[in-house]
Amino acid sequence: MRYRSMAFAAVGLLAVAGCAANPDADQAAYAQRALIGMPKQTLLSCAGVPTRQTAVDNVEYFTYSSDSLQTRVGPSYWGGFGGGPWHRGYWGGADFGPTEVSARNCNATFTLKNGAVQQLVYGSSTDSPAGRLSQCYAIVQNCLPLVPQQSGPAASAATGAGSRAR
């Protein structure tokens, strides 16, 4: 009986992991916790030189920016059935419909004190939270593999069953 309940729990975890709508957004949200304590040198090596930086008293602020444009072309079909001496059967075709352009941006500000990350805050004008976090993932994606791995059930719950960065 114990094995049966463990099997149901495993299937449930896999189902939840399979339903992750946006793994990039999940990883960006995870980075806000996981990168706390990262040394300044490691941050600079994985995220690069910040777009802006400033220091006030004993606190440093590193801001990184990421922007992208995404385009989608909508389909447009035309046609019909015809007849007569010149056309028999179907006539028609397809062309491309209107182009939809969406802009995404993210500003990730790392607060460092005593040479280590204390906080990571995201800012954006992107409409949806998932879109905003997806763009923020572009900033932190190279740093997540440098986070020490935790072991045990608490670590897998904290990182999410569908975690991509290890």
N, C-alpha and C. Protein backbone atom coordinates (compact mmCIF):
# COMPACT_ATOMS: atom_id res chain seq x y z
N MET A 1 0.82 -1.19 0.00
CA MET A 1 0.00 0.00 0.00
C MET A 1 0.87 1.26 0.00
N ARG A 2 1.96 1.21 0.71
CA ARG A 2 2.85 2.37 0.78
C ARG A 2 3.42 2.70 -0.61
N TYR A 3 3.79 1.67 -1.37
CA TYR A 3 4.35 1.89 -2.70
C TYR A 3 3.32 2.49 -3.64
N ARG A 4 2.06 2.09 -3.46
CA ARG A 4 1.00 2.61 -4.31
C ARG A 4 0.85 4.12 -4.09
N SER A 5 0.85 4.56 -2.83
CA SER A 5 0.69 5.99 -2.56
C SER A 5 1.91 6.77 -3.05
N MET A 6 3.10 6.17 -2.96
CA MET A 6 4.29 6.83 -3.49
C MET A 6 4.21 6.95 -5.00
N ALA A 7 3.67 5.92 -5.65
CA ALA A 7 3.53 5.96 -7.11
C ALA A 7 2.54 7.05 -7.52
N PHE A 8 1.42 7.16 -6.78
CA PHE A 8 0.45 8.22 -7.08
C PHE A 8 1.07 9.60 -6.88
N ALA A 9 1.86 9.75 -5.84
CA ALA A 9 2.52 11.04 -5.59
C ALA A 9 3.49 11.37 -6.71
N ALA A 10 4.24 10.39 -7.18
CA ALA A 10 5.19 10.62 -8.27
C ALA A 10 4.46 11.00 -9.56
N VAL A 11 3.37 10.32 -9.85
CA VAL A 11 2.58 10.64 -11.05
C VAL A 11 2.02 12.06 -10.92
N GLY A 12 1.56 12.43 -9.74
CA GLY A 12 1.03 13.77 -9.52
C GLY A 12 2.10 14.84 -9.73
N LEU A 13 3.32 14.60 -9.23
CA LEU A 13 4.40 15.56 -9.43
C LEU A 13 4.75 15.70 -10.91
N LEU A 14 4.77 14.59 -11.62
CA LEU A 14 5.05 14.64 -13.06
C LEU A 14 3.96 15.39 -13.80
N ALA A 15 2.73 15.21 -13.40
CA ALA A 15 1.63 15.92 -14.05
C ALA A 15 1.74 17.42 -13.82
N VAL A 16 2.06 17.82 -12.60
CA VAL A 16 2.22 19.24 -12.31
C VAL A 16 3.41 19.80 -13.07
N ALA A 17 4.50 19.04 -13.14
CA ALA A 17 5.68 19.51 -13.86
C ALA A 17 5.39 19.65 -15.35
N GLY A 18 4.58 18.77 -15.89
CA GLY A 18 4.24 18.83 -17.30
C GLY A 18 3.34 20.00 -17.65
N CYS A 19 2.66 20.56 -16.66
CA CYS A 19 1.74 21.67 -16.90
C CYS A 19 2.40 23.03 -16.78
N ALA A 20 3.69 23.05 -16.57
CA ALA A 20 4.37 24.34 -16.43
C ALA A 20 4.17 25.15 -17.70
N ALA A 21 3.53 26.30 -17.56
CA ALA A 21 3.17 27.10 -18.72
C ALA A 21 4.37 27.79 -19.34
N ASN A 22 5.31 28.21 -18.53
CA ASN A 22 6.43 28.97 -19.04
C ASN A 22 7.68 28.68 -18.21
N PRO A 23 8.49 27.72 -18.61
CA PRO A 23 9.65 27.35 -17.81
C PRO A 23 10.66 28.48 -17.66
N ASP A 24 10.79 29.36 -18.65
CA ASP A 24 11.72 30.49 -18.52
C ASP A 24 11.26 31.43 -17.40
N ALA A 25 9.97 31.69 -17.33
CA ALA A 25 9.43 32.55 -16.27
C ALA A 25 9.63 31.89 -14.91
N ASP A 26 9.42 30.58 -14.83
CA ASP A 26 9.62 29.86 -13.57
C ASP A 26 11.07 29.97 -13.11
N GLN A 27 12.00 29.84 -14.04
CA GLN A 27 13.41 29.91 -13.69
C GLN A 27 13.82 31.32 -13.27
N ALA A 28 13.26 32.34 -13.91
CA ALA A 28 13.56 33.72 -13.51
C ALA A 28 13.05 33.99 -12.10
N ALA A 29 11.86 33.49 -11.78
CA ALA A 29 11.33 33.65 -10.42
C ALA A 29 12.20 32.90 -9.41
N TYR A 30 12.63 31.71 -9.76
CA TYR A 30 13.51 30.92 -8.90
C TYR A 30 14.84 31.65 -8.65
N ALA A 31 15.35 32.33 -9.67
CA ALA A 31 16.64 33.03 -9.56
C ALA A 31 16.59 34.12 -8.49
N GLN A 32 15.42 34.70 -8.26
CA GLN A 32 15.31 35.75 -7.24
C GLN A 32 15.65 35.22 -5.85
N ARG A 33 15.49 33.93 -5.63
CA ARG A 33 15.87 33.32 -4.35
C ARG A 33 17.24 32.66 -4.44
N ALA A 34 17.48 31.99 -5.55
CA ALA A 34 18.68 31.16 -5.67
C ALA A 34 19.98 31.95 -5.75
N LEU A 35 19.92 33.16 -6.29
CA LEU A 35 21.15 33.93 -6.49
C LEU A 35 21.55 34.75 -5.27
N ILE A 36 20.72 34.74 -4.23
CA ILE A 36 21.06 35.44 -2.99
C ILE A 36 22.33 34.81 -2.41
N GLY A 37 23.29 35.66 -2.09
CA GLY A 37 24.55 35.18 -1.53
C GLY A 37 25.64 34.96 -2.56
N MET A 38 25.31 35.06 -3.84
CA MET A 38 26.31 34.87 -4.89
C MET A 38 27.37 35.96 -4.79
N PRO A 39 28.65 35.59 -4.83
CA PRO A 39 29.71 36.60 -4.76
C PRO A 39 29.69 37.52 -5.98
N LYS A 40 30.12 38.75 -5.77
CA LYS A 40 30.14 39.77 -6.82
C LYS A 40 30.95 39.29 -8.03
N GLN A 41 32.10 38.67 -7.81
CA GLN A 41 32.93 38.20 -8.91
C GLN A 41 32.21 37.15 -9.75
N THR A 42 31.48 36.26 -9.09
CA THR A 42 30.73 35.23 -9.82
C THR A 42 29.61 35.87 -10.63
N LEU A 43 28.90 36.84 -10.04
CA LEU A 43 27.83 37.54 -10.77
C LEU A 43 28.38 38.21 -12.02
N LEU A 44 29.51 38.89 -11.88
CA LEU A 44 30.10 39.57 -13.04
C LEU A 44 30.56 38.56 -14.09
N SER A 45 31.01 37.41 -13.67
CA SER A 45 31.49 36.42 -14.65
C SER A 45 30.34 35.76 -15.40
N CYS A 46 29.17 35.60 -14.77
CA CYS A 46 28.07 34.91 -15.45
C CYS A 46 27.08 35.87 -16.10
N ALA A 47 26.87 37.05 -15.54
CA ALA A 47 25.91 38.00 -16.11
C ALA A 47 26.58 39.07 -16.95
N GLY A 48 27.88 39.24 -16.77
CA GLY A 48 28.61 40.23 -17.55
C GLY A 48 28.64 41.58 -16.86
N VAL A 49 29.06 42.56 -17.61
CA VAL A 49 29.16 43.92 -17.10
C VAL A 49 27.75 44.51 -17.08
N PRO A 50 27.34 45.11 -15.96
CA PRO A 50 25.99 45.68 -15.88
C PRO A 50 25.80 46.86 -16.82
N THR A 51 24.56 47.08 -17.22
CA THR A 51 24.20 48.23 -18.04
C THR A 51 24.41 49.52 -17.26
N ARG A 52 24.01 49.50 -15.99
CA ARG A 52 24.20 50.64 -15.09
C ARG A 52 24.65 50.10 -13.74
N GLN A 53 25.42 50.90 -13.02
CA GLN A 53 25.79 50.54 -11.66
C GLN A 53 26.02 51.80 -10.85
N THR A 54 25.74 51.67 -9.57
CA THR A 54 25.96 52.78 -8.65
C THR A 54 26.22 52.21 -7.27
N ALA A 55 26.76 53.04 -6.40
CA ALA A 55 27.02 52.63 -5.02
C ALA A 55 26.57 53.74 -4.09
N VAL A 56 25.92 53.35 -3.01
CA VAL A 56 25.50 54.27 -1.98
C VAL A 56 25.94 53.66 -0.65
N ASP A 57 26.78 54.41 0.07
CA ASP A 57 27.36 53.92 1.31
C ASP A 57 28.08 52.60 1.04
N ASN A 58 27.64 51.53 1.67
CA ASN A 58 28.30 50.23 1.53
C ASN A 58 27.50 49.29 0.63
N VAL A 59 26.56 49.83 -0.14
CA VAL A 59 25.67 49.01 -0.97
C VAL A 59 25.88 49.36 -2.44
N GLU A 60 26.02 48.31 -3.26
CA GLU A 60 26.16 48.49 -4.71
C GLU A 60 24.90 48.01 -5.41
N TYR A 61 24.57 48.65 -6.52
CA TYR A 61 23.41 48.28 -7.32
C TYR A 61 23.89 48.05 -8.75
N PHE A 62 23.67 46.84 -9.25
CA PHE A 62 24.00 46.49 -10.63
C PHE A 62 22.69 46.26 -11.36
N THR A 63 22.46 47.00 -12.44
CA THR A 63 21.25 46.82 -13.24
C THR A 63 21.62 46.30 -14.62
N TYR A 64 20.96 45.22 -15.01
CA TYR A 64 21.13 44.59 -16.32
C TYR A 64 19.84 44.76 -17.10
N SER A 65 19.93 44.97 -18.40
CA SER A 65 18.75 45.16 -19.24
C SER A 65 18.72 44.13 -20.35
N SER A 66 17.52 43.71 -20.70
CA SER A 66 17.32 42.78 -21.80
C SER A 66 16.05 43.20 -22.54
N ASP A 67 16.16 43.33 -23.85
CA ASP A 67 15.03 43.72 -24.70
C ASP A 67 14.92 42.76 -25.88
N SER A 68 13.69 42.54 -26.33
CA SER A 68 13.50 41.74 -27.53
C SER A 68 12.21 42.15 -28.23
N LEU A 69 12.17 41.93 -29.51
CA LEU A 69 10.97 42.11 -30.32
C LEU A 69 10.56 40.75 -30.85
N GLN A 70 9.31 40.44 -30.75
CA GLN A 70 8.80 39.19 -31.29
C GLN A 70 7.75 39.51 -32.33
N THR A 71 7.86 38.85 -33.47
CA THR A 71 6.89 39.09 -34.54
C THR A 71 6.16 37.80 -34.88
N ARG A 72 4.90 37.94 -35.19
CA ARG A 72 4.09 36.81 -35.64
C ARG A 72 3.33 37.27 -36.87
N VAL A 73 3.32 36.43 -37.86
CA VAL A 73 2.59 36.72 -39.08
C VAL A 73 1.33 35.87 -39.08
N GLY A 74 0.20 36.52 -39.20
CA GLY A 74 -1.06 35.79 -39.21
C GLY A 74 -1.40 35.30 -40.62
N PRO A 75 -1.98 34.12 -40.73
CA PRO A 75 -2.34 33.59 -42.05
C PRO A 75 -3.60 34.26 -42.58
N SER A 76 -3.71 34.31 -43.88
CA SER A 76 -4.90 34.83 -44.55
C SER A 76 -5.15 33.95 -45.76
N TYR A 77 -6.33 33.39 -45.84
CA TYR A 77 -6.66 32.48 -46.94
C TYR A 77 -7.78 33.07 -47.77
N TRP A 78 -7.75 32.79 -49.02
CA TRP A 78 -8.83 33.20 -49.90
C TRP A 78 -9.01 32.10 -50.93
N GLY A 79 -10.18 32.04 -51.49
CA GLY A 79 -10.43 31.03 -52.51
C GLY A 79 -11.89 30.64 -52.55
N GLY A 80 -12.18 29.67 -53.35
CA GLY A 80 -13.55 29.19 -53.49
C GLY A 80 -13.61 28.12 -54.55
N PHE A 81 -14.81 27.76 -54.91
CA PHE A 81 -15.00 26.76 -55.95
C PHE A 81 -15.59 27.45 -57.16
N GLY A 82 -15.12 27.08 -58.30
CA GLY A 82 -15.62 27.71 -59.52
C GLY A 82 -15.85 26.68 -60.60
N GLY A 83 -16.35 27.13 -61.67
CA GLY A 83 -16.60 26.25 -62.79
C GLY A 83 -16.61 27.06 -64.06
N GLY A 84 -16.86 26.41 -65.16
CA GLY A 84 -16.90 27.09 -66.42
C GLY A 84 -15.82 26.57 -67.33
N PRO A 85 -15.74 27.15 -68.52
CA PRO A 85 -14.78 26.63 -69.49
C PRO A 85 -13.33 26.88 -69.09
N TRP A 86 -13.05 27.89 -68.28
CA TRP A 86 -11.65 28.19 -67.95
C TRP A 86 -11.21 27.61 -66.62
N HIS A 87 -12.12 27.47 -65.68
CA HIS A 87 -11.78 26.97 -64.35
C HIS A 87 -12.64 25.76 -64.02
N ARG A 88 -12.00 24.76 -63.51
CA ARG A 88 -12.75 23.62 -63.02
C ARG A 88 -12.30 23.34 -61.61
N GLY A 89 -13.25 23.28 -60.72
CA GLY A 89 -12.93 22.93 -59.35
C GLY A 89 -12.47 24.13 -58.53
N TYR A 90 -11.53 23.87 -57.65
CA TYR A 90 -11.11 24.85 -56.66
C TYR A 90 -10.16 25.87 -57.27
N TRP A 91 -10.32 27.11 -56.91
CA TRP A 91 -9.34 28.15 -57.22
C TRP A 91 -9.12 28.94 -55.95
N GLY A 92 -8.00 29.49 -55.81
CA GLY A 92 -7.73 30.27 -54.61
C GLY A 92 -6.26 30.22 -54.24
N GLY A 93 -5.98 30.57 -53.02
CA GLY A 93 -4.60 30.60 -52.57
C GLY A 93 -4.50 31.10 -51.16
N ALA A 94 -3.30 31.46 -50.79
CA ALA A 94 -3.07 31.96 -49.44
C ALA A 94 -2.00 33.05 -49.50
N ASP A 95 -2.09 33.94 -48.61
CA ASP A 95 -1.03 34.93 -48.46
C ASP A 95 -0.84 35.18 -46.97
N PHE A 96 0.02 36.07 -46.63
CA PHE A 96 0.29 36.34 -45.23
C PHE A 96 -0.58 37.48 -44.76
N GLY A 97 -1.12 37.32 -43.58
CA GLY A 97 -1.99 38.32 -42.99
C GLY A 97 -1.19 39.38 -42.26
N PRO A 98 -1.85 40.08 -41.38
CA PRO A 98 -1.19 41.17 -40.66
C PRO A 98 -0.08 40.65 -39.74
N THR A 99 0.96 41.44 -39.61
CA THR A 99 2.07 41.09 -38.74
C THR A 99 1.84 41.70 -37.36
N GLU A 100 2.00 40.88 -36.34
CA GLU A 100 1.84 41.33 -34.97
C GLU A 100 3.22 41.42 -34.33
N VAL A 101 3.54 42.58 -33.78
CA VAL A 101 4.85 42.80 -33.16
C VAL A 101 4.63 43.08 -31.68
N SER A 102 5.37 42.36 -30.83
CA SER A 102 5.30 42.64 -29.40
C SER A 102 6.71 42.84 -28.86
N ALA A 103 6.84 43.81 -27.99
CA ALA A 103 8.13 44.12 -27.39
C ALA A 103 8.14 43.61 -25.95
N ARG A 104 9.27 43.04 -25.57
CA ARG A 104 9.47 42.60 -24.20
C ARG A 104 10.74 43.23 -23.68
N ASN A 105 10.71 43.59 -22.40
CA ASN A 105 11.92 44.12 -21.80
C ASN A 105 11.97 43.73 -20.33
N CYS A 106 13.17 43.79 -19.78
CA CYS A 106 13.36 43.51 -18.37
C CYS A 106 14.58 44.28 -17.88
N ASN A 107 14.45 44.84 -16.70
CA ASN A 107 15.59 45.41 -15.99
C ASN A 107 15.72 44.61 -14.70
N ALA A 108 16.86 43.99 -14.51
CA ALA A 108 17.13 43.22 -13.30
C ALA A 108 18.16 43.98 -12.48
N THR A 109 17.77 44.37 -11.27
CA THR A 109 18.67 45.10 -10.39
C THR A 109 19.10 44.21 -9.24
N PHE A 110 20.40 43.99 -9.17
CA PHE A 110 21.00 43.21 -8.09
C PHE A 110 21.50 44.19 -7.03
N THR A 111 21.13 43.95 -5.79
CA THR A 111 21.64 44.73 -4.67
C THR A 111 22.75 43.90 -4.02
N LEU A 112 23.95 44.49 -3.92
CA LEU A 112 25.09 43.79 -3.34
C LEU A 112 25.57 44.52 -2.09
N LYS A 113 25.83 43.75 -1.07
CA LYS A 113 26.38 44.31 0.16
C LYS A 113 27.49 43.37 0.62
N ASN A 114 28.61 43.95 1.01
CA ASN A 114 29.78 43.18 1.44
C ASN A 114 30.21 42.17 0.37
N GLY A 115 30.07 42.55 -0.90
CA GLY A 115 30.55 41.72 -1.99
C GLY A 115 29.69 40.53 -2.35
N ALA A 116 28.42 40.51 -1.92
CA ALA A 116 27.53 39.39 -2.24
C ALA A 116 26.13 39.92 -2.56
N VAL A 117 25.41 39.17 -3.40
CA VAL A 117 24.04 39.54 -3.78
C VAL A 117 23.13 39.43 -2.56
N GLN A 118 22.40 40.49 -2.28
CA GLN A 118 21.44 40.52 -1.18
C GLN A 118 20.00 40.43 -1.69
N GLN A 119 19.76 40.95 -2.90
CA GLN A 119 18.40 41.00 -3.43
C GLN A 119 18.46 41.11 -4.95
N LEU A 120 17.44 40.57 -5.61
CA LEU A 120 17.28 40.68 -7.05
C LEU A 120 15.85 41.12 -7.32
N VAL A 121 15.70 42.28 -7.98
CA VAL A 121 14.37 42.83 -8.27
C VAL A 121 14.26 43.04 -9.77
N TYR A 122 13.11 42.64 -10.33
CA TYR A 122 12.84 42.82 -11.75
C TYR A 122 11.90 43.99 -11.97
N GLY A 123 12.10 44.71 -13.05
CA GLY A 123 11.20 45.77 -13.47
C GLY A 123 11.01 45.67 -14.97
N SER A 124 9.81 46.03 -15.44
CA SER A 124 9.52 45.89 -16.86
C SER A 124 8.26 46.65 -17.22
N SER A 125 8.14 46.99 -18.49
CA SER A 125 6.89 47.56 -18.98
C SER A 125 6.12 46.53 -19.82
N THR A 126 6.61 45.30 -19.86
CA THR A 126 5.93 44.23 -20.58
C THR A 126 4.60 43.94 -19.89
N ASP A 127 3.56 43.72 -20.68
CA ASP A 127 2.21 43.58 -20.16
C ASP A 127 2.05 42.40 -19.19
N SER A 128 2.33 41.22 -19.66
CA SER A 128 2.02 40.04 -18.85
C SER A 128 3.17 39.69 -17.91
N PRO A 129 2.86 39.21 -16.71
CA PRO A 129 3.92 38.80 -15.78
C PRO A 129 4.79 37.68 -16.36
N ALA A 130 4.17 36.73 -17.05
CA ALA A 130 4.94 35.63 -17.64
C ALA A 130 5.88 36.14 -18.73
N GLY A 131 5.42 37.08 -19.54
CA GLY A 131 6.27 37.66 -20.58
C GLY A 131 7.42 38.43 -19.99
N ARG A 132 7.14 39.16 -18.93
CA ARG A 132 8.17 39.94 -18.25
C ARG A 132 9.23 39.00 -17.67
N LEU A 133 8.80 37.97 -16.96
CA LEU A 133 9.76 37.05 -16.35
C LEU A 133 10.52 36.25 -17.41
N SER A 134 9.87 35.94 -18.52
CA SER A 134 10.58 35.23 -19.59
C SER A 134 11.74 36.05 -20.10
N GLN A 135 11.53 37.35 -20.25
CA GLN A 135 12.61 38.21 -20.72
C GLN A 135 13.68 38.36 -19.65
N CYS A 136 13.31 38.35 -18.39
CA CYS A 136 14.28 38.44 -17.29
C CYS A 136 15.18 37.20 -17.24
N TYR A 137 14.64 36.07 -17.66
CA TYR A 137 15.43 34.84 -17.67
C TYR A 137 16.67 34.99 -18.54
N ALA A 138 16.57 35.79 -19.60
CA ALA A 138 17.74 36.00 -20.47
C ALA A 138 18.90 36.61 -19.70
N ILE A 139 18.61 37.34 -18.64
CA ILE A 139 19.67 37.98 -17.84
C ILE A 139 20.32 36.99 -16.88
N VAL A 140 19.53 36.13 -16.26
CA VAL A 140 20.04 35.26 -15.19
C VAL A 140 20.36 33.83 -15.64
N GLN A 141 20.06 33.48 -16.89
CA GLN A 141 20.20 32.09 -17.31
C GLN A 141 21.62 31.54 -17.19
N ASN A 142 22.64 32.35 -17.39
CA ASN A 142 24.01 31.86 -17.27
C ASN A 142 24.46 31.74 -15.82
N CYS A 143 23.77 32.39 -14.91
CA CYS A 143 24.14 32.34 -13.49
C CYS A 143 23.51 31.15 -12.77
N LEU A 144 22.35 30.71 -13.20
CA LEU A 144 21.66 29.63 -12.49
C LEU A 144 22.46 28.33 -12.41
N PRO A 145 23.19 27.93 -13.45
CA PRO A 145 23.97 26.69 -13.32
C PRO A 145 25.08 26.79 -12.27
N LEU A 146 25.43 27.99 -11.83
CA LEU A 146 26.49 28.18 -10.86
C LEU A 146 25.98 28.12 -9.41
N VAL A 147 24.67 28.02 -9.25
CA VAL A 147 24.08 27.92 -7.92
C VAL A 147 24.36 26.52 -7.39
N PRO A 148 24.89 26.39 -6.17
CA PRO A 148 25.14 25.06 -5.62
C PRO A 148 23.85 24.25 -5.55
N GLN A 149 23.95 23.00 -5.95
CA GLN A 149 22.77 22.13 -5.93
C GLN A 149 22.47 21.71 -4.51
N GLN A 150 21.18 21.70 -4.21
CA GLN A 150 20.73 21.19 -2.93
C GLN A 150 20.22 19.78 -3.16
N SER A 151 20.22 18.98 -2.13
CA SER A 151 19.71 17.63 -2.28
C SER A 151 18.55 17.42 -1.33
N GLY A 152 17.75 16.43 -1.63
CA GLY A 152 16.63 16.09 -0.77
C GLY A 152 15.32 16.59 -1.33
N PRO A 153 14.21 16.19 -0.69
CA PRO A 153 12.89 16.56 -1.19
C PRO A 153 12.60 18.06 -1.08
N ALA A 154 13.15 18.73 -0.09
CA ALA A 154 12.90 20.16 0.05
C ALA A 154 13.51 20.93 -1.12
N ALA A 155 14.66 20.49 -1.61
CA ALA A 155 15.31 21.17 -2.73
C ALA A 155 14.51 21.02 -4.00
N SER A 156 13.97 19.82 -4.26
CA SER A 156 13.20 19.64 -5.49
C SER A 156 11.90 20.42 -5.42
N ALA A 157 11.33 20.58 -4.24
CA ALA A 157 10.12 21.39 -4.11
C ALA A 157 10.44 22.86 -4.30
N ALA A 158 11.61 23.30 -3.82
CA ALA A 158 11.97 24.70 -3.93
C ALA A 158 12.30 25.07 -5.38
N THR A 159 12.96 24.18 -6.11
CA THR A 159 13.35 24.50 -7.48
C THR A 159 12.25 24.19 -8.47
N GLY A 160 11.29 23.42 -8.09
CA GLY A 160 10.23 23.03 -9.02
C GLY A 160 10.60 21.74 -9.71
N ALA A 161 9.65 20.88 -9.89
CA ALA A 161 9.93 19.58 -10.49
C ALA A 161 10.40 19.70 -11.91
N GLY A 162 10.00 20.76 -12.62
CA GLY A 162 10.39 20.92 -14.01
C GLY A 162 11.59 21.84 -14.18
N SER A 163 12.41 21.97 -13.19
CA SER A 163 13.54 22.90 -13.25
C SER A 163 14.49 22.56 -14.38
N ARG A 164 14.88 23.60 -15.16
CA ARG A 164 15.79 23.36 -16.29
C ARG A 164 17.23 23.66 -15.93
N ALA A 165 17.47 24.54 -15.01
CA ALA A 165 18.86 24.94 -14.70
C ALA A 165 19.39 24.11 -13.54
N ARG A 166 20.45 23.45 -13.74
CA ARG A 166 21.10 22.64 -12.70
C ARG A 166 22.58 22.83 -12.78
